[in-house]
Amino acid sequence: MLPLNLPEYPAKVTMRRGKPFIWDSIRQKFVSLTPEEWVRQHFVHFLIERKGYPKELLANEVTIRLNNTTKRCDTVVYDRFLEPLMIIEYKAPHIEITGAVFDQIVRYDMALRVKYLLVSNGLQHYCCEIDQEKSAYAFLENLPEYTTLENGA
């Protein structure tokens, strides 16, 4: 797998039926190792180890209902009252982060109404704070620590 613009960590990778799988500490199971999953696992580890995000307040592959369809958010970060706080969308490193990627995550926000949106392809990371009342957003220079996130960036 490609090196990412994220700290390395001791990923647990195994082979099953000739295909690579990586340990997902949030879901507590091995999952298929795709380029997008490689980004997710590195990013989740970064959130927990470097940014102080409580592992218990992260969920991967969260199912939501949107306009009579079922969608899945890559990762949702919750506040200490278990209300959604941030949606994270991951792309493989070779996928350029474009307006279409943000359109996807904004659609997910229609269901969850979070305070933060984040998109990463492992090389570039974009985080914005949402003002739901004003229908406005502002990109943040850096990804906030969890304690800052809960209190507003």
Foldseek 3Di string as FASTA:
>chain_A
DDAFPADDDPWDWDDDPRFIWTADPLVRDTDGDDLQVVLVRRVLCCLVPPQPQDSPQKDAQDWFAAPNDIDTFGMFGADPVNQTAETEAEDGLVDDDDVVVVVVVVSVCVGRVHQKYWYYNRHDIWMWGADVVVRDIDIDPDDHRVVCSVVDD
